[in-house]
Amino acid sequence: MRRMISLAAVLCCLAWSLPAVAGDEGTKGASSKAYEHASERSIFNRAGDWFATVGRSDEEKAAILQERSETRAAKRAEKEARKTERAAREEAKQAESEAEEAAEALGNETKGGGKGLLNRGKGKQKSGRQ
């Protein structure tokens, strides 16, 4: 009986932790399915808008709603810019590491004691003074 209760408790804990891995394979954050259903008119925005406009005149409500909508659009644009910048940095980092690997491979394949094309001319040089 204790084993059954322990097994049930472990299964409940595992089932409870599944939403923590909701992102697509290898990605952080919400899954792509969640982004499909996200919109400007989410419950979080509507509730905040309602609290901001309760007891106001129609003109004030329209102005407040317009301002909040513009603020959300600016935040979305800023977030997309950061996301694009981060992706560009990751691509540059990946290209740099691939170039270093190619340079190492080229250096290992060349003759001459392991000195590659990139290392030529960097040895001891004779000075003109004696």
N, C-alpha and C. Protein backbone atom coordinates (compact mmCIF):
# COMPACT_ATOMS: atom_id res chain seq x y z
N MET A 1 0.82 -1.20 0.00
CA MET A 1 0.00 0.00 0.00
C MET A 1 0.87 1.27 0.00
N ARG A 2 1.96 1.23 0.79
CA ARG A 2 2.86 2.39 0.83
C ARG A 2 3.50 2.61 -0.52
N ARG A 3 3.84 1.53 -1.20
CA ARG A 3 4.45 1.66 -2.52
C ARG A 3 3.49 2.31 -3.50
N MET A 4 2.24 1.95 -3.44
CA MET A 4 1.25 2.54 -4.35
C MET A 4 1.08 4.04 -4.09
N ILE A 5 1.05 4.41 -2.82
CA ILE A 5 0.91 5.82 -2.47
C ILE A 5 2.17 6.59 -2.90
N SER A 6 3.33 6.00 -2.68
CA SER A 6 4.58 6.64 -3.09
C SER A 6 4.64 6.79 -4.60
N LEU A 7 4.23 5.75 -5.31
CA LEU A 7 4.21 5.80 -6.77
C LEU A 7 3.25 6.86 -7.26
N ALA A 8 2.08 6.96 -6.65
CA ALA A 8 1.09 7.98 -7.04
C ALA A 8 1.64 9.38 -6.78
N ALA A 9 2.33 9.56 -5.65
CA ALA A 9 2.91 10.86 -5.33
C ALA A 9 3.98 11.25 -6.34
N VAL A 10 4.82 10.31 -6.72
CA VAL A 10 5.86 10.58 -7.71
C VAL A 10 5.24 10.92 -9.06
N LEU A 11 4.23 10.20 -9.47
CA LEU A 11 3.57 10.47 -10.75
C LEU A 11 2.89 11.84 -10.74
N CYS A 12 2.30 12.20 -9.61
CA CYS A 12 1.68 13.53 -9.51
C CYS A 12 2.74 14.63 -9.62
N CYS A 13 3.87 14.43 -8.99
CA CYS A 13 4.95 15.42 -9.08
C CYS A 13 5.46 15.55 -10.51
N LEU A 14 5.60 14.43 -11.20
CA LEU A 14 6.05 14.47 -12.59
C LEU A 14 5.03 15.17 -13.48
N ALA A 15 3.76 14.85 -13.28
CA ALA A 15 2.71 15.48 -14.08
C ALA A 15 2.63 16.97 -13.80
N TRP A 16 2.90 17.37 -12.56
CA TRP A 16 2.84 18.77 -12.18
C TRP A 16 3.98 19.56 -12.81
N SER A 17 5.12 18.91 -13.05
CA SER A 17 6.28 19.61 -13.60
C SER A 17 6.28 19.66 -15.12
N LEU A 18 5.38 18.99 -15.80
CA LEU A 18 5.35 19.00 -17.26
C LEU A 18 5.15 20.38 -17.86
N PRO A 19 4.30 21.24 -17.33
CA PRO A 19 4.18 22.58 -17.94
C PRO A 19 5.47 23.37 -17.92
N ALA A 20 6.42 23.01 -17.09
CA ALA A 20 7.70 23.72 -17.04
C ALA A 20 8.52 23.48 -18.31
N VAL A 21 8.23 22.45 -19.05
CA VAL A 21 8.94 22.16 -20.29
C VAL A 21 8.01 22.35 -21.48
N ALA A 22 7.21 23.41 -21.47
CA ALA A 22 6.23 23.64 -22.52
C ALA A 22 6.85 24.14 -23.81
N GLY A 23 8.06 24.71 -23.77
CA GLY A 23 8.70 25.25 -24.96
C GLY A 23 9.02 24.17 -25.98
N ASP A 24 9.19 24.58 -27.23
CA ASP A 24 9.57 23.65 -28.28
C ASP A 24 10.95 23.11 -27.96
N GLU A 25 11.34 22.07 -28.64
CA GLU A 25 12.61 21.41 -28.35
C GLU A 25 13.77 22.39 -28.40
N GLY A 26 14.44 22.54 -27.28
CA GLY A 26 15.63 23.36 -27.22
C GLY A 26 15.41 24.86 -27.14
N THR A 27 14.16 25.31 -27.03
CA THR A 27 13.91 26.74 -26.96
C THR A 27 13.47 27.13 -25.56
N LYS A 28 13.70 28.37 -25.23
CA LYS A 28 13.26 28.88 -23.94
C LYS A 28 11.94 29.62 -24.14
N GLY A 29 11.16 29.71 -23.11
CA GLY A 29 9.92 30.46 -23.17
C GLY A 29 8.75 29.62 -23.63
N ALA A 30 7.71 30.30 -24.05
CA ALA A 30 6.47 29.64 -24.44
C ALA A 30 6.63 28.92 -25.78
N SER A 31 5.77 27.97 -26.00
CA SER A 31 5.83 27.21 -27.25
C SER A 31 5.25 28.04 -28.39
N SER A 32 5.47 27.59 -29.60
CA SER A 32 4.95 28.31 -30.77
C SER A 32 3.43 28.27 -30.78
N LYS A 33 2.84 27.23 -30.22
CA LYS A 33 1.38 27.13 -30.15
C LYS A 33 0.80 28.23 -29.28
N ALA A 34 1.52 28.58 -28.21
CA ALA A 34 1.06 29.65 -27.33
C ALA A 34 1.10 30.99 -28.05
N TYR A 35 2.14 31.21 -28.88
CA TYR A 35 2.24 32.46 -29.61
C TYR A 35 1.17 32.59 -30.68
N GLU A 36 0.69 31.46 -31.21
CA GLU A 36 -0.37 31.52 -32.21
C GLU A 36 -1.64 32.14 -31.64
N HIS A 37 -1.90 31.86 -30.36
CA HIS A 37 -3.14 32.33 -29.75
C HIS A 37 -2.99 33.64 -29.00
N ALA A 38 -1.78 34.18 -28.92
CA ALA A 38 -1.56 35.44 -28.23
C ALA A 38 -2.05 36.59 -29.10
N SER A 39 -2.58 37.62 -28.44
CA SER A 39 -3.06 38.77 -29.20
C SER A 39 -3.03 40.02 -28.34
N GLU A 40 -3.31 41.12 -28.96
CA GLU A 40 -3.39 42.41 -28.27
C GLU A 40 -4.54 42.41 -27.27
N ARG A 41 -5.56 41.62 -27.53
CA ARG A 41 -6.76 41.61 -26.70
C ARG A 41 -6.73 40.49 -25.67
N SER A 42 -5.56 40.17 -25.14
CA SER A 42 -5.48 39.13 -24.12
C SER A 42 -6.15 39.61 -22.83
N ILE A 43 -6.46 38.67 -21.98
CA ILE A 43 -7.16 39.00 -20.74
C ILE A 43 -6.32 39.92 -19.86
N PHE A 44 -5.00 39.76 -19.91
CA PHE A 44 -4.13 40.61 -19.09
C PHE A 44 -4.22 42.07 -19.53
N ASN A 45 -4.21 42.29 -20.84
CA ASN A 45 -4.31 43.65 -21.35
C ASN A 45 -5.71 44.22 -21.10
N ARG A 46 -6.73 43.42 -21.32
CA ARG A 46 -8.09 43.92 -21.12
C ARG A 46 -8.36 44.28 -19.67
N ALA A 47 -7.88 43.45 -18.74
CA ALA A 47 -8.10 43.75 -17.32
C ALA A 47 -7.37 45.03 -16.93
N GLY A 48 -6.12 45.16 -17.38
CA GLY A 48 -5.36 46.38 -17.07
C GLY A 48 -6.00 47.61 -17.69
N ASP A 49 -6.49 47.46 -18.92
CA ASP A 49 -7.16 48.58 -19.58
C ASP A 49 -8.45 48.96 -18.85
N TRP A 50 -9.16 47.97 -18.37
CA TRP A 50 -10.41 48.26 -17.67
C TRP A 50 -10.12 49.04 -16.40
N PHE A 51 -9.10 48.59 -15.62
CA PHE A 51 -8.77 49.31 -14.40
C PHE A 51 -8.28 50.72 -14.70
N ALA A 52 -7.59 50.91 -15.81
CA ALA A 52 -7.07 52.23 -16.15
C ALA A 52 -8.17 53.18 -16.61
N THR A 53 -9.26 52.64 -17.15
CA THR A 53 -10.30 53.51 -17.72
C THR A 53 -11.59 53.53 -16.93
N VAL A 54 -11.68 52.81 -15.84
CA VAL A 54 -12.92 52.77 -15.08
C VAL A 54 -13.22 54.16 -14.51
N GLY A 55 -14.42 54.62 -14.71
CA GLY A 55 -14.84 55.92 -14.20
C GLY A 55 -14.41 57.10 -15.04
N ARG A 56 -13.92 56.88 -16.23
CA ARG A 56 -13.47 57.98 -17.11
C ARG A 56 -14.52 58.25 -18.18
N SER A 57 -14.41 59.42 -18.78
CA SER A 57 -15.31 59.75 -19.88
C SER A 57 -14.87 59.00 -21.14
N ASP A 58 -15.71 58.99 -22.14
CA ASP A 58 -15.40 58.25 -23.37
C ASP A 58 -14.15 58.79 -24.06
N GLU A 59 -13.96 60.11 -24.06
CA GLU A 59 -12.77 60.69 -24.69
C GLU A 59 -11.51 60.29 -23.94
N GLU A 60 -11.57 60.34 -22.62
CA GLU A 60 -10.42 59.94 -21.81
C GLU A 60 -10.11 58.46 -21.99
N LYS A 61 -11.15 57.64 -22.05
CA LYS A 61 -10.95 56.20 -22.26
C LYS A 61 -10.24 55.94 -23.59
N ALA A 62 -10.71 56.61 -24.64
CA ALA A 62 -10.10 56.41 -25.96
C ALA A 62 -8.64 56.84 -25.95
N ALA A 63 -8.34 57.96 -25.30
CA ALA A 63 -6.96 58.45 -25.25
C ALA A 63 -6.08 57.49 -24.45
N ILE A 64 -6.58 57.02 -23.32
CA ILE A 64 -5.80 56.10 -22.48
C ILE A 64 -5.56 54.79 -23.23
N LEU A 65 -6.60 54.25 -23.85
CA LEU A 65 -6.46 53.00 -24.59
C LEU A 65 -5.48 53.14 -25.75
N GLN A 66 -5.53 54.27 -26.45
CA GLN A 66 -4.61 54.51 -27.56
C GLN A 66 -3.17 54.57 -27.05
N GLU A 67 -2.95 55.28 -25.95
CA GLU A 67 -1.61 55.41 -25.38
C GLU A 67 -1.07 54.05 -24.93
N ARG A 68 -1.91 53.26 -24.27
CA ARG A 68 -1.48 51.94 -23.80
C ARG A 68 -1.18 51.01 -24.97
N SER A 69 -1.99 51.11 -26.03
CA SER A 69 -1.76 50.29 -27.22
C SER A 69 -0.43 50.66 -27.88
N GLU A 70 -0.15 51.95 -27.98
CA GLU A 70 1.12 52.40 -28.56
C GLU A 70 2.31 51.95 -27.71
N THR A 71 2.15 52.01 -26.39
CA THR A 71 3.21 51.56 -25.49
C THR A 71 3.49 50.08 -25.68
N ARG A 72 2.44 49.27 -25.80
CA ARG A 72 2.62 47.83 -26.02
C ARG A 72 3.29 47.56 -27.35
N ALA A 73 2.89 48.32 -28.39
CA ALA A 73 3.51 48.14 -29.71
C ALA A 73 4.99 48.49 -29.67
N ALA A 74 5.35 49.55 -28.95
CA ALA A 74 6.76 49.94 -28.83
C ALA A 74 7.56 48.87 -28.09
N LYS A 75 6.97 48.30 -27.03
CA LYS A 75 7.66 47.24 -26.30
C LYS A 75 7.84 46.00 -27.17
N ARG A 76 6.83 45.67 -27.98
CA ARG A 76 6.94 44.52 -28.89
C ARG A 76 8.04 44.75 -29.90
N ALA A 77 8.11 45.97 -30.47
CA ALA A 77 9.14 46.28 -31.46
C ALA A 77 10.53 46.22 -30.83
N GLU A 78 10.66 46.73 -29.61
CA GLU A 78 11.94 46.68 -28.91
C GLU A 78 12.36 45.24 -28.63
N LYS A 79 11.40 44.43 -28.25
CA LYS A 79 11.69 43.02 -27.97
C LYS A 79 12.11 42.30 -29.24
N GLU A 80 11.46 42.58 -30.36
CA GLU A 80 11.83 41.96 -31.64
C GLU A 80 13.23 42.41 -32.05
N ALA A 81 13.57 43.68 -31.81
CA ALA A 81 14.90 44.18 -32.16
C ALA A 81 15.96 43.47 -31.33
N ARG A 82 15.70 43.30 -30.02
CA ARG A 82 16.65 42.58 -29.17
C ARG A 82 16.79 41.13 -29.62
N LYS A 83 15.68 40.53 -30.00
CA LYS A 83 15.69 39.14 -30.45
C LYS A 83 16.51 39.00 -31.74
N THR A 84 16.33 39.94 -32.68
CA THR A 84 17.08 39.92 -33.93
C THR A 84 18.57 40.14 -33.67
N GLU A 85 18.88 41.07 -32.77
CA GLU A 85 20.28 41.35 -32.42
C GLU A 85 20.93 40.13 -31.78
N ARG A 86 20.21 39.48 -30.89
CA ARG A 86 20.73 38.28 -30.24
C ARG A 86 20.98 37.17 -31.26
N ALA A 87 20.06 37.01 -32.22
CA ALA A 87 20.23 35.98 -33.25
C ALA A 87 21.44 36.30 -34.12
N ALA A 88 21.64 37.58 -34.44
CA ALA A 88 22.80 37.98 -35.25
C ALA A 88 24.10 37.71 -34.50
N ARG A 89 24.11 37.99 -33.18
CA ARG A 89 25.31 37.71 -32.39
C ARG A 89 25.60 36.21 -32.35
N GLU A 90 24.55 35.41 -32.20
CA GLU A 90 24.74 33.96 -32.18
C GLU A 90 25.29 33.45 -33.51
N GLU A 91 24.77 33.99 -34.63
CA GLU A 91 25.26 33.59 -35.94
C GLU A 91 26.73 33.98 -36.12
N ALA A 92 27.09 35.19 -35.67
CA ALA A 92 28.47 35.65 -35.79
C ALA A 92 29.39 34.78 -34.94
N LYS A 93 28.94 34.44 -33.75
CA LYS A 93 29.73 33.58 -32.87
C LYS A 93 29.91 32.20 -33.49
N GLN A 94 28.85 31.68 -34.09
CA GLN A 94 28.92 30.37 -34.73
C GLN A 94 29.88 30.42 -35.92
N ALA A 95 29.80 31.48 -36.74
CA ALA A 95 30.67 31.61 -37.90
C ALA A 95 32.13 31.74 -37.46
N GLU A 96 32.37 32.47 -36.38
CA GLU A 96 33.73 32.64 -35.87
C GLU A 96 34.30 31.31 -35.39
N SER A 97 33.49 30.54 -34.68
CA SER A 97 33.98 29.25 -34.19
C SER A 97 34.23 28.29 -35.35
N GLU A 98 33.40 28.34 -36.38
CA GLU A 98 33.62 27.50 -37.56
C GLU A 98 34.89 27.92 -38.29
N ALA A 99 35.16 29.22 -38.36
CA ALA A 99 36.38 29.71 -39.01
C ALA A 99 37.61 29.27 -38.23
N GLU A 100 37.53 29.33 -36.90
CA GLU A 100 38.65 28.88 -36.08
C GLU A 100 38.90 27.38 -36.27
N GLU A 101 37.82 26.59 -36.33
CA GLU A 101 37.97 25.16 -36.53
C GLU A 101 38.59 24.87 -37.90
N ALA A 102 38.16 25.63 -38.92
CA ALA A 102 38.72 25.44 -40.26
C ALA A 102 40.19 25.83 -40.28
N ALA A 103 40.55 26.89 -39.57
CA ALA A 103 41.95 27.31 -39.52
C ALA A 103 42.80 26.26 -38.80
N GLU A 104 42.26 25.68 -37.74
CA GLU A 104 42.98 24.62 -37.04
C GLU A 104 43.15 23.40 -37.93
N ALA A 105 42.10 23.04 -38.65
CA ALA A 105 42.17 21.88 -39.53
C ALA A 105 43.18 22.13 -40.64
N LEU A 106 43.19 23.35 -41.17
CA LEU A 106 44.14 23.71 -42.22
C LEU A 106 45.56 23.68 -41.66
N GLY A 107 45.73 24.16 -40.45
CA GLY A 107 47.04 24.18 -39.82
C GLY A 107 47.55 22.78 -39.54
N ASN A 108 46.68 21.88 -39.20
CA ASN A 108 47.09 20.50 -38.91
C ASN A 108 47.39 19.72 -40.18
N GLU A 109 46.81 20.09 -41.28
CA GLU A 109 46.97 19.34 -42.53
C GLU A 109 48.18 19.79 -43.33
N THR A 110 48.68 20.98 -43.07
CA THR A 110 49.81 21.47 -43.86
C THR A 110 51.11 20.84 -43.40
N LYS A 111 52.08 20.86 -44.26
CA LYS A 111 53.41 20.32 -43.92
C LYS A 111 54.23 21.41 -43.26
N GLY A 112 55.35 21.00 -42.69
CA GLY A 112 56.26 21.98 -42.13
C GLY A 112 56.17 22.06 -40.62
N GLY A 113 56.05 20.95 -39.97
CA GLY A 113 56.07 20.96 -38.51
C GLY A 113 54.81 21.50 -37.88
N GLY A 114 53.71 21.41 -38.58
CA GLY A 114 52.45 21.84 -38.00
C GLY A 114 52.17 23.32 -38.15
N LYS A 115 53.04 24.06 -38.82
CA LYS A 115 52.78 25.48 -39.01
C LYS A 115 51.86 25.65 -40.21
N GLY A 116 50.78 26.30 -40.00
CA GLY A 116 49.82 26.50 -41.06
C GLY A 116 50.10 27.77 -41.83
N LEU A 117 49.24 28.05 -42.78
CA LEU A 117 49.39 29.26 -43.59
C LEU A 117 49.24 30.51 -42.74
N LEU A 118 48.47 30.42 -41.70
CA LEU A 118 48.24 31.59 -40.88
C LEU A 118 49.43 31.92 -39.99
N ASN A 119 50.32 30.96 -39.74
CA ASN A 119 51.43 31.17 -38.84
C ASN A 119 52.74 31.52 -39.55
N ARG A 120 52.73 31.63 -40.84
CA ARG A 120 53.98 31.91 -41.56
C ARG A 120 54.48 33.31 -41.26
N GLY A 121 55.79 33.40 -41.13
CA GLY A 121 56.41 34.71 -40.93
C GLY A 121 56.37 35.18 -39.50
N LYS A 122 55.92 34.35 -38.58
CA LYS A 122 55.83 34.79 -37.20
C LYS A 122 56.95 34.23 -36.34
N GLY A 123 57.92 33.54 -36.97
CA GLY A 123 59.02 32.96 -36.21
C GLY A 123 60.04 34.02 -35.85
N LYS A 124 61.21 33.56 -35.39
CA LYS A 124 62.25 34.51 -35.04
C LYS A 124 62.76 35.19 -36.29
N GLN A 125 62.91 36.47 -36.21
CA GLN A 125 63.43 37.23 -37.33
C GLN A 125 64.79 37.80 -36.96
N LYS A 126 65.66 37.82 -37.94
CA LYS A 126 66.98 38.39 -37.70
C LYS A 126 66.87 39.91 -37.74
N SER A 127 67.49 40.52 -36.80
CA SER A 127 67.44 41.98 -36.78
C SER A 127 68.58 42.53 -37.65
N GLY A 128 68.44 43.71 -38.12
CA GLY A 128 69.44 44.33 -38.97
C GLY A 128 70.63 44.80 -38.17
N ARG A 129 70.53 44.96 -36.88
CA ARG A 129 71.62 45.43 -36.03
C ARG A 129 72.49 44.26 -35.59
N GLN A 130 73.77 44.52 -35.47
CA GLN A 130 74.68 43.50 -34.98
C GLN A 130 75.64 44.08 -34.01
